[in-house]
Protein backbone atom coordinates (compact mmCIF):
# COMPACT_ATOMS: atom_id res chain seq x y z
CA MET A 1 21.02 9.04 -40.56
CA ASN A 2 19.65 9.15 -36.78
CA GLN A 3 16.20 7.81 -36.56
CA THR A 4 13.78 7.43 -33.85
CA PRO A 5 11.82 4.56 -33.62
CA ASN A 6 8.20 4.52 -34.14
CA MET A 7 6.31 4.31 -30.48
CA ASN A 8 2.95 2.84 -30.47
CA TRP A 9 1.72 4.07 -27.33
CA GLN A 10 -1.45 1.93 -27.39
CA ASN A 11 0.06 -1.05 -27.51
CA GLN A 12 2.20 -0.90 -24.21
CA GLN A 13 1.27 -2.44 -20.99
CA ASN A 14 1.11 0.55 -18.39
CA PRO A 15 4.59 -0.28 -15.71
CA LEU A 16 2.33 0.82 -12.65
CA GLN A 17 -0.07 -1.99 -12.96
CA PRO A 18 1.09 -5.50 -11.29
CA GLN A 19 1.24 -7.93 -13.96
CA GLY A 20 0.67 -11.77 -13.20
CA PHE A 21 -0.91 -10.77 -9.60
CA ARG A 22 -3.24 -13.83 -8.16
CA CYS A 23 -4.72 -14.20 -5.07
CA PRO A 24 -3.91 -17.07 -3.23
CA TYR A 25 -7.23 -17.74 -1.88
CA CYS A 26 -9.87 -17.17 -4.53
CA GLN A 27 -7.10 -17.20 -7.75
CA SER A 28 -8.49 -13.83 -9.04
CA GLN A 29 -6.97 -11.63 -11.07
CA ALA A 30 -8.78 -8.48 -9.60
CA GLY A 31 -5.81 -7.10 -8.11
CA SER A 32 -5.60 -5.94 -4.55
CA TYR A 33 -6.05 -2.57 -2.27
CA PHE A 34 -4.80 -1.53 1.18
CA VAL A 35 -5.77 0.17 4.24
CA SER A 36 -3.40 2.20 6.27
CA LYS A 37 -3.85 2.85 10.03
CA ILE A 38 -2.02 3.89 13.05
CA SER A 39 0.29 1.03 13.99
CA THR A 40 0.37 -0.89 17.52
CA GLN A 41 3.38 0.83 18.08
CA GLY A 42 2.16 4.22 16.90
CA TRP A 43 -0.65 4.34 19.95
CA ILE A 44 2.28 3.55 22.51
CA VAL A 45 4.38 5.84 21.44
CA MET A 46 1.49 8.44 21.41
CA LEU A 47 0.62 7.39 24.87
CA ILE A 48 4.55 7.61 26.31
CA LEU A 49 4.43 11.33 24.94
CA LEU A 50 1.32 12.44 26.15
CA LEU A 51 2.44 11.48 29.44
CA PHE A 52 6.02 12.88 29.54
CA CYS A 53 6.08 15.29 26.75
CA PHE A 54 2.55 16.53 25.77
CA PRO A 55 3.76 18.83 23.22
CA LEU A 56 5.02 15.83 20.76
CA PHE A 57 2.40 13.32 21.34
CA TRP A 58 1.01 13.62 18.00
CA VAL A 59 4.17 11.96 16.33
CA GLY A 60 2.82 8.53 17.34
CA PHE A 61 0.13 9.44 14.49
CA LEU A 62 2.57 9.57 11.97
CA MET A 63 4.04 5.83 12.53
CA LYS A 64 1.22 3.62 10.20
CA GLU A 65 1.01 0.18 8.95
CA GLU A 66 -0.40 -0.80 5.41
CA THR A 67 -2.53 -3.95 4.44
CA TYR A 68 -3.53 -5.40 1.82
CA TYR A 69 -6.31 -7.10 1.04
CA CYS A 70 -7.86 -9.09 -2.52
CA ARG A 71 -10.53 -6.80 -4.42
CA SER A 72 -12.65 -9.71 -4.91
CA CYS A 73 -12.66 -12.13 -1.76
CA GLN A 74 -11.72 -9.30 0.60
CA MET A 75 -9.24 -11.87 2.39
CA LYS A 76 -6.25 -10.30 3.83
CA LEU A 77 -2.86 -10.50 1.84
CA SER A 78 0.47 -11.31 3.73
């Protein structure tokens, strides 16, 4: 007889939440967030394309970098 296991969804942890995160500066477990901005290389590519190939200058704006910060102490995480 094929039986399916009884799944209790209320007791399962969310796999998308990081487990065991601890800030190296304040030792908080509040988590982190990120800020996305155009990288230095993106600005350089944008300037070069602006000078030599004007219709494609916007490609530099697609080059982004993400910087992570602690939610509690706002310190930059590596």
